[in-house]
Amino acid sequence: MDKKVISPCISICRTDPLSGYCYGCARTNEEKKLWKEESTKNQWKERNLELIITRMQGWQLETFKESYNHKKNNGISLFKKNLLKNK
C-alpha cells in the first residue's frame, strides 16, 4: 500500500484573484479538486507539492513550510491549531 501524501492545505483558504493561487498553499482550485479525488495518484501529489513550492517565496514559503511540517508531524496545521486554541 502506498504511503499517504498529506494535503498541502494549511487552512488559509483564500485565492488570489490575479494569480489564481491560494494564499496558503499556492494551489489552483483545479489542483485542490484533484487532491480530493480518490483516483489521484501519490506520484502526481508529490510532483504537485514540488510545483506549488516553486510558486512561493519569502514569508509565504517559510510560513507554508513551518505549518505543513507541523501538519505532517501532528495532524493539524499551525494556523488551524491556533484557531482552535483561541475559540
N, C-alpha and C. Protein backbone atom coordinates (compact mmCIF):
# COMPACT_ATOMS: atom_id res chain seq x y z
N MET A 1 0.84 -1.19 0.00
CA MET A 1 0.00 0.00 0.00
C MET A 1 0.88 1.25 0.00
N ASP A 2 0.51 2.25 -0.79
CA ASP A 2 1.27 3.49 -0.86
C ASP A 2 1.11 4.30 0.41
N LYS A 3 2.19 4.96 0.80
CA LYS A 3 2.15 5.88 1.93
C LYS A 3 1.33 7.11 1.52
N LYS A 4 0.44 7.54 2.39
CA LYS A 4 -0.42 8.69 2.09
C LYS A 4 0.42 9.98 2.01
N VAL A 5 0.15 10.76 1.00
CA VAL A 5 0.78 12.07 0.86
C VAL A 5 -0.17 13.08 1.49
N ILE A 6 0.31 13.80 2.48
CA ILE A 6 -0.51 14.76 3.22
C ILE A 6 -0.82 15.98 2.35
N SER A 7 -2.07 16.37 2.36
CA SER A 7 -2.51 17.54 1.60
C SER A 7 -1.73 18.78 2.03
N PRO A 8 -1.37 19.64 1.08
CA PRO A 8 -0.66 20.87 1.42
C PRO A 8 -1.55 21.97 2.01
N CYS A 9 -2.84 21.71 2.16
CA CYS A 9 -3.72 22.72 2.73
C CYS A 9 -3.28 23.04 4.15
N ILE A 10 -3.06 24.33 4.41
CA ILE A 10 -2.68 24.75 5.77
C ILE A 10 -3.76 25.65 6.38
N SER A 11 -4.98 25.51 5.87
CA SER A 11 -6.17 26.16 6.42
C SER A 11 -6.20 27.67 6.23
N ILE A 12 -5.48 28.17 5.24
CA ILE A 12 -5.56 29.58 4.86
C ILE A 12 -6.11 29.58 3.44
N CYS A 13 -7.41 29.42 3.33
CA CYS A 13 -8.05 29.14 2.04
C CYS A 13 -8.65 30.39 1.42
N ARG A 14 -7.79 31.15 0.79
CA ARG A 14 -8.21 32.34 0.05
C ARG A 14 -7.44 32.36 -1.26
N THR A 15 -8.13 32.60 -2.36
CA THR A 15 -7.49 32.60 -3.66
C THR A 15 -7.16 34.01 -4.10
N ASP A 16 -5.93 34.20 -4.53
CA ASP A 16 -5.50 35.48 -5.08
C ASP A 16 -6.20 35.67 -6.43
N PRO A 17 -6.95 36.77 -6.61
CA PRO A 17 -7.71 36.95 -7.84
C PRO A 17 -6.84 37.15 -9.07
N LEU A 18 -5.61 37.60 -8.90
CA LEU A 18 -4.74 37.82 -10.06
C LEU A 18 -4.03 36.55 -10.52
N SER A 19 -3.44 35.82 -9.58
CA SER A 19 -2.69 34.62 -9.95
C SER A 19 -3.56 33.37 -10.02
N GLY A 20 -4.65 33.36 -9.25
CA GLY A 20 -5.48 32.16 -9.17
C GLY A 20 -4.95 31.14 -8.19
N TYR A 21 -3.90 31.50 -7.43
CA TYR A 21 -3.30 30.60 -6.45
C TYR A 21 -3.80 30.91 -5.05
N CYS A 22 -3.94 29.86 -4.26
CA CYS A 22 -4.34 30.01 -2.86
C CYS A 22 -3.21 30.70 -2.10
N TYR A 23 -3.55 31.64 -1.24
CA TYR A 23 -2.55 32.33 -0.42
C TYR A 23 -1.83 31.38 0.52
N GLY A 24 -2.52 30.35 1.00
CA GLY A 24 -1.91 29.43 1.96
C GLY A 24 -1.03 28.38 1.33
N CYS A 25 -1.54 27.71 0.28
CA CYS A 25 -0.82 26.56 -0.28
C CYS A 25 -0.36 26.74 -1.72
N ALA A 26 -0.74 27.82 -2.35
CA ALA A 26 -0.33 28.14 -3.73
C ALA A 26 -0.89 27.17 -4.78
N ARG A 27 -1.97 26.48 -4.44
CA ARG A 27 -2.61 25.60 -5.42
C ARG A 27 -3.72 26.35 -6.14
N THR A 28 -4.03 25.89 -7.35
CA THR A 28 -5.19 26.40 -8.07
C THR A 28 -6.42 25.64 -7.56
N ASN A 29 -7.59 26.14 -7.86
CA ASN A 29 -8.82 25.44 -7.47
C ASN A 29 -8.88 24.05 -8.10
N GLU A 30 -8.41 23.93 -9.34
CA GLU A 30 -8.39 22.64 -10.02
C GLU A 30 -7.46 21.66 -9.31
N GLU A 31 -6.31 22.13 -8.88
CA GLU A 31 -5.37 21.27 -8.14
C GLU A 31 -5.98 20.82 -6.82
N LYS A 32 -6.70 21.70 -6.17
CA LYS A 32 -7.36 21.33 -4.91
C LYS A 32 -8.36 20.21 -5.14
N LYS A 33 -9.12 20.30 -6.23
CA LYS A 33 -10.09 19.25 -6.55
C LYS A 33 -9.39 17.92 -6.81
N LEU A 34 -8.30 17.96 -7.55
CA LEU A 34 -7.57 16.72 -7.87
C LEU A 34 -7.03 16.04 -6.61
N TRP A 35 -6.60 16.83 -5.62
CA TRP A 35 -6.10 16.26 -4.37
C TRP A 35 -7.18 15.44 -3.67
N LYS A 36 -8.43 15.84 -3.80
CA LYS A 36 -9.53 15.17 -3.10
C LYS A 36 -10.02 13.91 -3.81
N GLU A 37 -9.70 13.77 -5.08
CA GLU A 37 -10.18 12.61 -5.84
C GLU A 37 -9.41 11.36 -5.44
N GLU A 38 -10.14 10.29 -5.17
CA GLU A 38 -9.51 9.03 -4.77
C GLU A 38 -8.61 8.46 -5.85
N SER A 39 -8.90 8.77 -7.11
CA SER A 39 -8.12 8.21 -8.21
C SER A 39 -6.79 8.93 -8.44
N THR A 40 -6.57 10.06 -7.77
CA THR A 40 -5.33 10.80 -7.95
C THR A 40 -4.18 10.04 -7.30
N LYS A 41 -3.16 9.80 -8.07
CA LYS A 41 -2.01 9.01 -7.62
C LYS A 41 -1.06 9.83 -6.75
N ASN A 42 -0.37 9.14 -5.83
CA ASN A 42 0.61 9.79 -4.97
C ASN A 42 1.73 10.45 -5.78
N GLN A 43 2.09 9.84 -6.90
CA GLN A 43 3.14 10.41 -7.74
C GLN A 43 2.74 11.82 -8.21
N TRP A 44 1.48 11.98 -8.61
CA TRP A 44 1.01 13.31 -9.02
C TRP A 44 1.05 14.27 -7.85
N LYS A 45 0.62 13.81 -6.68
CA LYS A 45 0.61 14.67 -5.49
C LYS A 45 2.01 15.12 -5.12
N GLU A 46 2.97 14.21 -5.18
CA GLU A 46 4.35 14.57 -4.86
C GLU A 46 4.90 15.60 -5.84
N ARG A 47 4.61 15.41 -7.13
CA ARG A 47 5.05 16.40 -8.14
C ARG A 47 4.35 17.74 -7.92
N ASN A 48 3.06 17.69 -7.58
CA ASN A 48 2.32 18.92 -7.34
C ASN A 48 2.89 19.68 -6.14
N LEU A 49 3.27 18.95 -5.08
CA LEU A 49 3.90 19.59 -3.92
C LEU A 49 5.17 20.33 -4.34
N GLU A 50 5.98 19.68 -5.15
CA GLU A 50 7.21 20.32 -5.63
C GLU A 50 6.88 21.57 -6.44
N LEU A 51 5.85 21.49 -7.28
CA LEU A 51 5.46 22.62 -8.11
C LEU A 51 4.96 23.79 -7.28
N ILE A 52 4.07 23.52 -6.33
CA ILE A 52 3.50 24.64 -5.57
C ILE A 52 4.57 25.35 -4.74
N ILE A 53 5.57 24.60 -4.28
CA ILE A 53 6.65 25.23 -3.52
C ILE A 53 7.43 26.21 -4.39
N THR A 54 7.54 25.92 -5.69
CA THR A 54 8.24 26.85 -6.59
C THR A 54 7.45 28.13 -6.81
N ARG A 55 6.15 28.10 -6.52
CA ARG A 55 5.31 29.30 -6.69
C ARG A 55 5.44 30.26 -5.51
N MET A 56 6.01 29.78 -4.42
CA MET A 56 6.09 30.58 -3.20
C MET A 56 7.48 31.17 -3.03
N GLN A 57 7.54 32.26 -2.27
CA GLN A 57 8.82 32.84 -1.90
C GLN A 57 8.66 33.65 -0.62
N GLY A 58 9.77 34.00 -0.02
CA GLY A 58 9.76 34.85 1.17
C GLY A 58 8.93 34.30 2.30
N TRP A 59 8.15 35.18 2.94
CA TRP A 59 7.38 34.80 4.13
C TRP A 59 6.35 33.71 3.82
N GLN A 60 5.77 33.73 2.61
CA GLN A 60 4.77 32.71 2.27
C GLN A 60 5.41 31.33 2.28
N LEU A 61 6.57 31.20 1.69
CA LEU A 61 7.26 29.92 1.65
C LEU A 61 7.65 29.45 3.04
N GLU A 62 8.20 30.35 3.85
CA GLU A 62 8.61 29.98 5.21
C GLU A 62 7.41 29.59 6.07
N THR A 63 6.33 30.34 5.97
CA THR A 63 5.12 30.03 6.72
C THR A 63 4.54 28.69 6.28
N PHE A 64 4.52 28.47 4.97
CA PHE A 64 3.99 27.20 4.46
C PHE A 64 4.82 26.03 4.99
N LYS A 65 6.13 26.12 4.86
CA LYS A 65 7.00 25.02 5.28
C LYS A 65 6.81 24.70 6.76
N GLU A 66 6.77 25.73 7.59
CA GLU A 66 6.60 25.52 9.04
C GLU A 66 5.25 24.88 9.35
N SER A 67 4.18 25.40 8.75
CA SER A 67 2.85 24.89 9.03
C SER A 67 2.64 23.50 8.44
N TYR A 68 3.16 23.27 7.23
CA TYR A 68 2.99 21.96 6.59
C TYR A 68 3.77 20.89 7.36
N ASN A 69 4.97 21.20 7.81
CA ASN A 69 5.73 20.24 8.62
C ASN A 69 5.01 19.93 9.92
N HIS A 70 4.42 20.95 10.53
CA HIS A 70 3.65 20.73 11.76
C HIS A 70 2.46 19.81 11.47
N LYS A 71 1.80 20.04 10.34
CA LYS A 71 0.66 19.21 9.95
C LYS A 71 1.08 17.77 9.73
N LYS A 72 2.21 17.56 9.04
CA LYS A 72 2.69 16.19 8.79
C LYS A 72 3.03 15.48 10.10
N ASN A 73 3.58 16.22 11.06
CA ASN A 73 4.01 15.60 12.32
C ASN A 73 2.92 15.50 13.37
N ASN A 74 1.91 16.39 13.31
CA ASN A 74 0.90 16.46 14.36
C ASN A 74 -0.53 16.33 13.88
N GLY A 75 -0.72 16.25 12.57
CA GLY A 75 -2.06 16.04 12.03
C GLY A 75 -2.90 17.30 11.88
N ILE A 76 -2.31 18.46 12.18
CA ILE A 76 -3.05 19.72 12.09
C ILE A 76 -2.07 20.85 11.78
N SER A 77 -2.49 21.78 10.92
CA SER A 77 -1.61 22.91 10.59
C SER A 77 -1.53 23.86 11.77
N LEU A 78 -0.47 24.65 11.80
CA LEU A 78 -0.32 25.63 12.89
C LEU A 78 -1.45 26.64 12.90
N PHE A 79 -1.88 27.09 11.72
CA PHE A 79 -2.96 28.07 11.64
C PHE A 79 -4.23 27.51 12.25
N LYS A 80 -4.59 26.28 11.87
CA LYS A 80 -5.80 25.66 12.40
C LYS A 80 -5.67 25.40 13.90
N LYS A 81 -4.50 24.98 14.34
CA LYS A 81 -4.25 24.76 15.76
C LYS A 81 -4.50 26.04 16.55
N ASN A 82 -4.00 27.16 16.04
CA ASN A 82 -4.18 28.45 16.72
C ASN A 82 -5.65 28.90 16.70
N LEU A 83 -6.34 28.62 15.60
CA LEU A 83 -7.77 28.96 15.53
C LEU A 83 -8.55 28.21 16.60
N LEU A 84 -8.28 26.92 16.72
CA LEU A 84 -8.99 26.11 17.70
C LEU A 84 -8.63 26.51 19.13
N LYS A 85 -7.38 26.87 19.35
CA LYS A 85 -6.92 27.28 20.67
C LYS A 85 -7.59 28.58 21.12
N ASN A 86 -7.87 29.46 20.17
CA ASN A 86 -8.43 30.77 20.51
C ASN A 86 -9.95 30.80 20.53
N LYS A 87 -10.59 29.65 20.38
CA LYS A 87 -12.07 29.61 20.43
C LYS A 87 -12.56 29.65 21.85
